[in-house]
PDB file of N, CA and C in Angstrom:
ATOM      1  N   ALA A   1       0.831  -1.189   0.000  1.00  0.00           N
ATOM      2  CA  ALA A   1       0.000   0.000   0.000  1.00  0.00           C
ATOM      3  C   ALA A   1       0.876   1.254   0.000  1.00  0.00           C
ATOM      4  N   ALA A   2       1.938   1.217   0.765  1.00  0.00           N
ATOM      5  CA  ALA A   2       2.832   2.383   0.804  1.00  0.00           C
ATOM      6  C   ALA A   2       3.454   2.637  -0.568  1.00  0.00           C
ATOM      7  N   GLN A   3       3.805   1.579  -1.277  1.00  0.00           N
ATOM      8  CA  GLN A   3       4.396   1.735  -2.604  1.00  0.00           C
ATOM      9  C   GLN A   3       3.413   2.358  -3.592  1.00  0.00           C
ATOM     10  N   LYS A   4       2.124   2.126  -3.399  1.00  0.00           N
ATOM     11  CA  LYS A   4       1.094   2.673  -4.286  1.00  0.00           C
ATOM     12  C   LYS A   4       0.506   3.975  -3.740  1.00  0.00           C
ATOM     13  N   SER A   5       1.005   4.428  -2.595  1.00  0.00           N
ATOM     14  CA  SER A   5       0.500   5.642  -1.937  1.00  0.00           C
ATOM     15  C   SER A   5      -1.006   5.562  -1.698  1.00  0.00           C
ATOM     16  N   CYS A   6      -1.420   4.427  -1.136  1.00  0.00           N
ATOM     17  CA  CYS A   6      -2.834   4.246  -0.828  1.00  0.00           C
ATOM     18  C   CYS A   6      -2.953   3.523   0.509  1.00  0.00           C
ATOM     19  N   SER A   7      -4.163   3.410   0.992  1.00  0.00           N
ATOM     20  CA  SER A   7      -4.387   2.704   2.249  1.00  0.00           C
ATOM     21  C   SER A   7      -4.431   1.191   1.992  1.00  0.00           C
ATOM     22  N   PRO A   8      -4.221   0.389   3.031  1.00  0.00           N
ATOM     23  CA  PRO A   8      -4.356  -1.062   2.855  1.00  0.00           C
ATOM     24  C   PRO A   8      -5.754  -1.452   2.361  1.00  0.00           C
ATOM     25  N   ALA A   9      -6.782  -0.756   2.825  1.00  0.00           N
ATOM     26  CA  ALA A   9      -8.142  -1.052   2.367  1.00  0.00           C
ATOM     27  C   ALA A   9      -8.272  -0.777   0.870  1.00  0.00           C
ATOM     28  N   GLN A  10      -7.715   0.325   0.415  1.00  0.00           N
ATOM     29  CA  GLN A  10      -7.764   0.648  -1.008  1.00  0.00           C
ATOM     30  C   GLN A  10      -7.010  -0.398  -1.827  1.00  0.00           C
ATOM     31  N   LEU A  11      -5.869  -0.828  -1.338  1.00  0.00           N
ATOM     32  CA  LEU A  11      -5.097  -1.844  -2.051  1.00  0.00           C
ATOM     33  C   LEU A  11      -5.885  -3.152  -2.137  1.00  0.00           C
ATOM     34  N   SER A  12      -6.543  -3.511  -1.060  1.00  0.00           N
ATOM     35  CA  SER A  12      -7.363  -4.725  -1.058  1.00  0.00           C
ATOM     36  C   SER A  12      -8.479  -4.629  -2.091  1.00  0.00           C
ATOM     37  N   LEU A  13      -9.149  -3.495  -2.122  1.00  0.00           N
ATOM     38  CA  LEU A  13     -10.222  -3.311  -3.099  1.00  0.00           C
ATOM     39  C   LEU A  13      -9.679  -3.298  -4.522  1.00  0.00           C
ATOM     40  N   ALA A  14      -8.546  -2.644  -4.728  1.00  0.00           N
ATOM     41  CA  ALA A  14      -7.934  -2.609  -6.066  1.00  0.00           C
ATOM     42  C   ALA A  14      -7.562  -4.017  -6.515  1.00  0.00           C
ATOM     43  N   TRP A  15      -7.058  -4.828  -5.600  1.00  0.00           N
ATOM     44  CA  TRP A  15      -6.694  -6.208  -5.935  1.00  0.00           C
ATOM     45  C   TRP A  15      -7.942  -6.992  -6.326  1.00  0.00           C
ATOM     46  N   LEU A  16      -9.006  -6.853  -5.543  1.00  0.00           N
ATOM     47  CA  LEU A  16     -10.247  -7.551  -5.890  1.00  0.00           C
ATOM     48  C   LEU A  16     -10.769  -7.105  -7.251  1.00  0.00           C
ATOM     49  N   LEU A  17     -10.740  -5.812  -7.499  1.00  0.00           N
ATOM     50  CA  LEU A  17     -11.213  -5.297  -8.788  1.00  0.00           C
ATOM     51  C   LEU A  17     -10.356  -5.802  -9.948  1.00  0.00           C
ATOM     52  N   SER A  18      -9.090  -6.066  -9.683  1.00  0.00           N
ATOM     53  CA  SER A  18      -8.196  -6.546 -10.741  1.00  0.00           C
ATOM     54  C   SER A  18      -8.458  -7.999 -11.121  1.00  0.00           C
ATOM     55  N   LYS A  19      -9.256  -8.702 -10.323  1.00  0.00           N
ATOM     56  CA  LYS A  19      -9.499 -10.122 -10.558  1.00  0.00           C
ATOM     57  C   LYS A  19     -10.462 -10.376 -11.705  1.00  0.00           C
ATOM     58  N   GLY A  20     -11.129  -9.337 -12.197  1.00  0.00           N
ATOM     59  CA  GLY A  20     -12.002  -9.517 -13.349  1.00  0.00           C
ATOM     60  C   GLY A  20     -13.337  -8.819 -13.175  1.00  0.00           C
ATOM     61  N   PRO A  21     -14.069  -8.688 -14.270  1.00  0.00           N
ATOM     62  CA  PRO A  21     -15.329  -7.949 -14.233  1.00  0.00           C
ATOM     63  C   PRO A  21     -16.446  -8.662 -13.474  1.00  0.00           C
ATOM     64  N   ASN A  22     -16.274  -9.947 -13.198  1.00  0.00           N
ATOM     65  CA  ASN A  22     -17.302 -10.690 -12.469  1.00  0.00           C
ATOM     66  C   ASN A  22     -17.119 -10.634 -10.956  1.00  0.00           C
ATOM     67  N   ILE A  23     -16.072  -9.962 -10.506  1.00  0.00           N
ATOM     68  CA  ILE A  23     -15.812  -9.809  -9.080  1.00  0.00           C
ATOM     69  C   ILE A  23     -16.226  -8.396  -8.687  1.00  0.00           C
ATOM     70  N   VAL A  24     -17.174  -8.298  -7.772  1.00  0.00           N
ATOM     71  CA  VAL A  24     -17.668  -6.988  -7.354  1.00  0.00           C
ATOM     72  C   VAL A  24     -17.571  -6.904  -5.833  1.00  0.00           C
ATOM     73  N   PRO A  25     -16.534  -6.248  -5.320  1.00  0.00           N
ATOM     74  CA  PRO A  25     -16.431  -6.113  -3.864  1.00  0.00           C
ATOM     75  C   PRO A  25     -17.529  -5.191  -3.343  1.00  0.00           C
ATOM     76  N   ILE A  26     -18.043  -5.509  -2.176  1.00  0.00           N
ATOM     77  CA  ILE A  26     -19.085  -4.690  -1.557  1.00  0.00           C
ATOM     78  C   ILE A  26     -18.605  -4.312  -0.158  1.00  0.00           C
ATOM     79  N   PRO A  27     -17.774  -3.273  -0.075  1.00  0.00           N
ATOM     80  CA  PRO A  27     -17.286  -2.865   1.245  1.00  0.00           C
ATOM     81  C   PRO A  27     -18.368  -2.110   2.007  1.00  0.00           C
ATOM     82  N   GLY A  28     -18.362  -2.254   3.287  1.00  0.00           N
ATOM     83  CA  GLY A  28     -19.296  -1.513   4.127  1.00  0.00           C
ATOM     84  C   GLY A  28     -18.576  -0.379   4.831  1.00  0.00           C
ATOM     85  N   THR A  29     -19.294   0.673   5.117  1.00  0.00           N
ATOM     86  CA  THR A  29     -18.717   1.787   5.853  1.00  0.00           C
ATOM     87  C   THR A  29     -19.817   2.594   6.507  1.00  0.00           C
ATOM     88  N   LYS A  30     -19.449   3.310   7.537  1.00  0.00           N
ATOM     89  CA  LYS A  30     -20.394   4.185   8.224  1.00  0.00           C
ATOM     90  C   LYS A  30     -19.979   5.648   8.113  1.00  0.00           C
ATOM     91  N   GLN A  31     -18.847   5.880   7.464  1.00  0.00           N
ATOM     92  CA  GLN A  31     -18.333   7.246   7.395  1.00  0.00           C
ATOM     93  C   GLN A  31     -18.067   7.644   5.945  1.00  0.00           C
ATOM     94  N   LEU A  32     -18.409   8.868   5.612  1.00  0.00           N
ATOM     95  CA  LEU A  32     -18.251   9.386   4.261  1.00  0.00           C
ATOM     96  C   LEU A  32     -16.801   9.303   3.803  1.00  0.00           C
ATOM     97  N   ARG A  33     -15.862   9.580   4.683  1.00  0.00           N
ATOM     98  CA  ARG A  33     -14.449   9.566   4.265  1.00  0.00           C
ATOM     99  C   ARG A  33     -14.012   8.176   3.813  1.00  0.00           C
ATOM    100  N   TYR A  34     -14.555   7.143   4.442  1.00  0.00           N
ATOM    101  CA  TYR A  34     -14.205   5.791   4.022  1.00  0.00           C
ATOM    102  C   TYR A  34     -14.907   5.414   2.726  1.00  0.00           C
ATOM    103  N   LEU A  35     -16.101   5.902   2.529  1.00  0.00           N
ATOM    104  CA  LEU A  35     -16.789   5.690   1.255  1.00  0.00           C
ATOM    105  C   LEU A  35     -15.980   6.310   0.123  1.00  0.00           C
ATOM    106  N   GLU A  36     -15.515   7.525   0.327  1.00  0.00           N
ATOM    107  CA  GLU A  36     -14.702   8.206  -0.685  1.00  0.00           C
ATOM    108  C   GLU A  36     -13.394   7.461  -0.924  1.00  0.00           C
ATOM    109  N   GLU A  37     -12.803   6.945   0.145  1.00  0.00           N
ATOM    110  CA  GLU A  37     -11.568   6.166   0.019  1.00  0.00           C
ATOM    111  C   GLU A  37     -11.831   4.891  -0.783  1.00  0.00           C
ATOM    112  N   ASN A  38     -12.948   4.239  -0.494  1.00  0.00           N
ATOM    113  CA  ASN A  38     -13.289   3.010  -1.223  1.00  0.00           C
ATOM    114  C   ASN A  38     -13.491   3.291  -2.708  1.00  0.00           C
ATOM    115  N   VAL A  39     -14.191   4.351  -3.034  1.00  0.00           N
ATOM    116  CA  VAL A  39     -14.441   4.708  -4.430  1.00  0.00           C
ATOM    117  C   VAL A  39     -13.119   5.006  -5.146  1.00  0.00           C
ATOM    118  N   ALA A  40     -12.207   5.676  -4.464  1.00  0.00           N
ATOM    119  CA  ALA A  40     -10.917   6.027  -5.064  1.00  0.00           C
ATOM    120  C   ALA A  40     -10.089   4.787  -5.407  1.00  0.00           C
ATOM    121  N   ALA A  41     -10.363   3.680  -4.761  1.00  0.00           N
ATOM    122  CA  ALA A  41      -9.622   2.441  -5.046  1.00  0.00           C
ATOM    123  C   ALA A  41      -9.818   1.991  -6.488  1.00  0.00           C
ATOM    124  N   ALA A  42     -10.918   2.380  -7.104  1.00  0.00           N
ATOM    125  CA  ALA A  42     -11.170   1.993  -8.495  1.00  0.00           C
ATOM    126  C   ALA A  42     -10.180   2.638  -9.455  1.00  0.00           C
ATOM    127  N   GLN A  43      -9.493   3.671  -9.006  1.00  0.00           N
ATOM    128  CA  GLN A  43      -8.508   4.354  -9.855  1.00  0.00           C
ATOM    129  C   GLN A  43      -7.110   3.761  -9.728  1.00  0.00           C
ATOM    130  N   ILE A  44      -6.932   2.826  -8.836  1.00  0.00           N
ATOM    131  CA  ILE A  44      -5.625   2.204  -8.611  1.00  0.00           C
ATOM    132  C   ILE A  44      -5.475   1.023  -9.559  1.00  0.00           C
ATOM    133  N   THR A  45      -4.407   1.029 -10.325  1.00  0.00           N
ATOM    134  CA  THR A  45      -4.134  -0.099 -11.213  1.00  0.00           C
ATOM    135  C   THR A  45      -2.940  -0.884 -10.685  1.00  0.00           C
ATOM    136  N   LEU A  46      -3.038  -2.173 -10.795  1.00  0.00           N
ATOM    137  CA  LEU A  46      -1.969  -3.055 -10.335  1.00  0.00           C
ATOM    138  C   LEU A  46      -1.351  -3.767 -11.532  1.00  0.00           C
ATOM    139  N   SER A  47      -0.031  -3.744 -11.585  1.00  0.00           N
ATOM    140  CA  SER A  47       0.666  -4.472 -12.646  1.00  0.00           C
ATOM    141  C   SER A  47       0.588  -5.964 -12.361  1.00  0.00           C
ATOM    142  N   ALA A  48       0.921  -6.751 -13.337  1.00  0.00           N
ATOM    143  CA  ALA A  48       0.942  -8.204 -13.153  1.00  0.00           C
ATOM    144  C   ALA A  48       1.921  -8.581 -12.041  1.00  0.00           C
ATOM    145  N   LYS A  49       3.035  -7.883 -11.974  1.00  0.00           N
ATOM    146  CA  LYS A  49       4.028  -8.150 -10.929  1.00  0.00           C
ATOM    147  C   LYS A  49       3.456  -7.828  -9.552  1.00  0.00           C
ATOM    148  N   GLU A  50       2.758  -6.707  -9.441  1.00  0.00           N
ATOM    149  CA  GLU A  50       2.165  -6.321  -8.153  1.00  0.00           C
ATOM    150  C   GLU A  50       1.074  -7.310  -7.741  1.00  0.00           C
ATOM    151  N   GLN A  51       0.281  -7.757  -8.694  1.00  0.00           N
ATOM    152  CA  GLN A  51      -0.745  -8.757  -8.391  1.00  0.00           C
ATOM    153  C   GLN A  51      -0.109 -10.045  -7.891  1.00  0.00           C
ATOM    154  N   LEU A  52       0.966 -10.468  -8.536  1.00  0.00           N
ATOM    155  CA  LEU A  52       1.674 -11.677  -8.116  1.00  0.00           C
ATOM    156  C   LEU A  52       2.258 -11.511  -6.718  1.00  0.00           C
ATOM    157  N   GLN A  53       2.819 -10.342  -6.425  1.00  0.00           N
ATOM    158  CA  GLN A  53       3.363 -10.085  -5.084  1.00  0.00           C
ATOM    159  C   GLN A  53       2.271 -10.209  -4.028  1.00  0.00           C
ATOM    160  N   LEU A  54       1.120  -9.639  -4.302  1.00  0.00           N
ATOM    161  CA  LEU A  54       0.007  -9.718  -3.350  1.00  0.00           C
ATOM    162  C   LEU A  54      -0.473 -11.151  -3.181  1.00  0.00           C
ATOM    163  N   GLU A  55      -0.632 -11.860  -4.277  1.00  0.00           N
ATOM    164  CA  GLU A  55      -1.124 -13.230  -4.209  1.00  0.00           C
ATOM    165  C   GLU A  55      -0.138 -14.149  -3.499  1.00  0.00           C
ATOM    166  N   THR A  56       1.143 -13.920  -3.693  1.00  0.00           N
ATOM    167  CA  THR A  56       2.166 -14.704  -3.002  1.00  0.00           C
ATOM    168  C   THR A  56       2.092 -14.447  -1.499  1.00  0.00           C
ATOM    169  N   ALA A  57       1.916 -13.190  -1.118  1.00  0.00           N
ATOM    170  CA  ALA A  57       1.804 -12.846   0.303  1.00  0.00           C
ATOM    171  C   ALA A  57       0.536 -13.445   0.900  1.00  0.00           C
ATOM    172  N   ILE A  58      -0.555 -13.403   0.165  1.00  0.00           N
ATOM    173  CA  ILE A  58      -1.833 -13.932   0.650  1.00  0.00           C
ATOM    174  C   ILE A  58      -1.752 -15.439   0.869  1.00  0.00           C
ATOM    175  N   GLU A  59      -1.064 -16.136  -0.017  1.00  0.00           N
ATOM    176  CA  GLU A  59      -0.943 -17.592   0.098  1.00  0.00           C
ATOM    177  C   GLU A  59      -0.222 -18.004   1.376  1.00  0.00           C
ATOM    178  N   ARG A  60       0.598 -17.126   1.923  1.00  0.00           N
ATOM    179  CA  ARG A  60       1.348 -17.452   3.140  1.00  0.00           C
ATOM    180  C   ARG A  60       0.528 -17.236   4.405  1.00  0.00           C
ATOM    181  N   LEU A  61      -0.632 -16.598   4.290  1.00  0.00           N
ATOM    182  CA  LEU A  61      -1.464 -16.351   5.465  1.00  0.00           C
ATOM    183  C   LEU A  61      -2.197 -17.620   5.874  1.00  0.00           C
ATOM    184  N   PRO A  62      -2.200 -17.908   7.167  1.00  0.00           N
ATOM    185  CA  PRO A  62      -2.927 -19.101   7.604  1.00  0.00           C
ATOM    186  C   PRO A  62      -4.439 -18.868   7.562  1.00  0.00           C
ATOM    187  N   VAL A  63      -5.169 -19.905   7.223  1.00  0.00           N
ATOM    188  CA  VAL A  63      -6.625 -19.866   7.265  1.00  0.00           C
ATOM    189  C   VAL A  63      -7.036 -20.577   8.540  1.00  0.00           C
ATOM    190  N   ILE A  64      -7.764 -19.866   9.382  1.00  0.00           N
ATOM    191  CA  ILE A  64      -8.136 -20.418  10.683  1.00  0.00           C
ATOM    192  C   ILE A  64      -9.649 -20.416  10.805  1.00  0.00           C
ATOM    193  N   GLY A  65     -10.205 -21.559  11.129  1.00  0.00           N
ATOM    194  CA  GLY A  65     -11.641 -21.641  11.353  1.00  0.00           C
ATOM    195  C   GLY A  65     -12.422 -21.874  10.080  1.00  0.00           C
ATOM    196  N   GLU A  66     -13.689 -22.113  10.281  1.00  0.00           N
ATOM    197  CA  GLU A  66     -14.599 -22.360   9.177  1.00  0.00           C
ATOM    198  C   GLU A  66     -15.129 -21.040   8.643  1.00  0.00           C
ATOM    199  N   ARG A  67     -15.516 -21.026   7.378  1.00  0.00           N
ATOM    200  CA  ARG A  67     -16.077 -19.816   6.784  1.00  0.00           C
ATOM    201  C   ARG A  67     -17.485 -19.568   7.313  1.00  0.00           C
ATOM    202  N   TYR A  68     -18.261 -20.625   7.449  1.00  0.00           N
ATOM    203  CA  TYR A  68     -19.631 -20.531   7.922  1.00  0.00           C
ATOM    204  C   TYR A  68     -19.831 -21.459   9.120  1.00  0.00           C
ATOM    205  N   THR A  69     -20.811 -21.150   9.936  1.00  0.00           N
ATOM    206  CA  THR A  69     -21.196 -22.073  11.002  1.00  0.00           C
ATOM    207  C   THR A  69     -21.890 -23.259  10.354  1.00  0.00           C
ATOM    208  N   SER A  70     -22.115 -24.324  11.133  1.00  0.00           N
ATOM    209  CA  SER A  70     -22.806 -25.494  10.572  1.00  0.00           C
ATOM    210  C   SER A  70     -24.212 -25.108  10.133  1.00  0.00           C
ATOM    211  N   GLU A  71     -24.857 -24.219  10.850  1.00  0.00           N
ATOM    212  CA  GLU A  71     -26.191 -23.749  10.446  1.00  0.00           C
ATOM    213  C   GLU A  71     -26.100 -22.947   9.138  1.00  0.00           C
ATOM    214  N   GLY A  72     -25.078 -22.099   9.017  1.00  0.00           N
ATOM    215  CA  GLY A  72     -24.893 -21.314   7.812  1.00  0.00           C
ATOM    216  C   GLY A  72     -24.592 -22.160   6.594  1.00  0.00           C
ATOM    217  N   MET A  73     -23.929 -23.307   6.799  1.00  0.00           N
ATOM    218  CA  MET A  73     -23.598 -24.203   5.688  1.00  0.00           C
ATOM    219  C   MET A  73     -24.845 -24.789   5.033  1.00  0.00           C
ATOM    220  N   LYS A  74     -25.949 -24.829   5.767  1.00  0.00           N
ATOM    221  CA  LYS A  74     -27.182 -25.381   5.197  1.00  0.00           C
ATOM    222  C   LYS A  74     -27.692 -24.530   4.036  1.00  0.00           C
ATOM    223  N   GLY A  75     -27.291 -23.274   3.994  1.00  0.00           N
ATOM    224  CA  GLY A  75     -27.720 -22.395   2.915  1.00  0.00           C
ATOM    225  C   GLY A  75     -26.733 -22.326   1.766  1.00  0.00           C
ATOM    226  N   VAL A  76     -25.655 -23.082   1.847  1.00  0.00           N
ATOM    227  CA  VAL A  76     -24.615 -23.085   0.813  1.00  0.00           C
ATOM    228  C   VAL A  76     -24.786 -24.341  -0.031  1.00  0.00           C
ATOM    229  N   ASN A  77     -24.427 -24.257  -1.277  1.00  0.00           N
ATOM    230  CA  ASN A  77     -24.549 -25.407  -2.195  1.00  0.00           C
ATOM    231  C   ASN A  77     -23.532 -26.491  -1.856  1.00  0.00           C
ATOM    232  N   ALA A  78     -23.697 -27.105  -0.710  1.00  0.00           N
ATOM    233  CA  ALA A  78     -22.753 -28.154  -0.291  1.00  0.00           C
ATOM    234  C   ALA A  78     -23.486 -29.434   0.039  1.00  0.00           C
TER     235      ALA A  78
END
């Protein structure tokens, strides 16, 4: 984020937007300044190298816990 002169939230949104036109992030906020920050993320472009750097870093993060509760899984196509 520092290299792109943006916030970590903006970088996250820019990365999601770079994944393709079928990916639509829906960030939530309660403050106008964060809404404006989120909208500005659409102007951030990531090179293929930057996308790879992010994806490599993400792969190293541990996944802990289930995504949904057992009750929540009943509503998922599983």
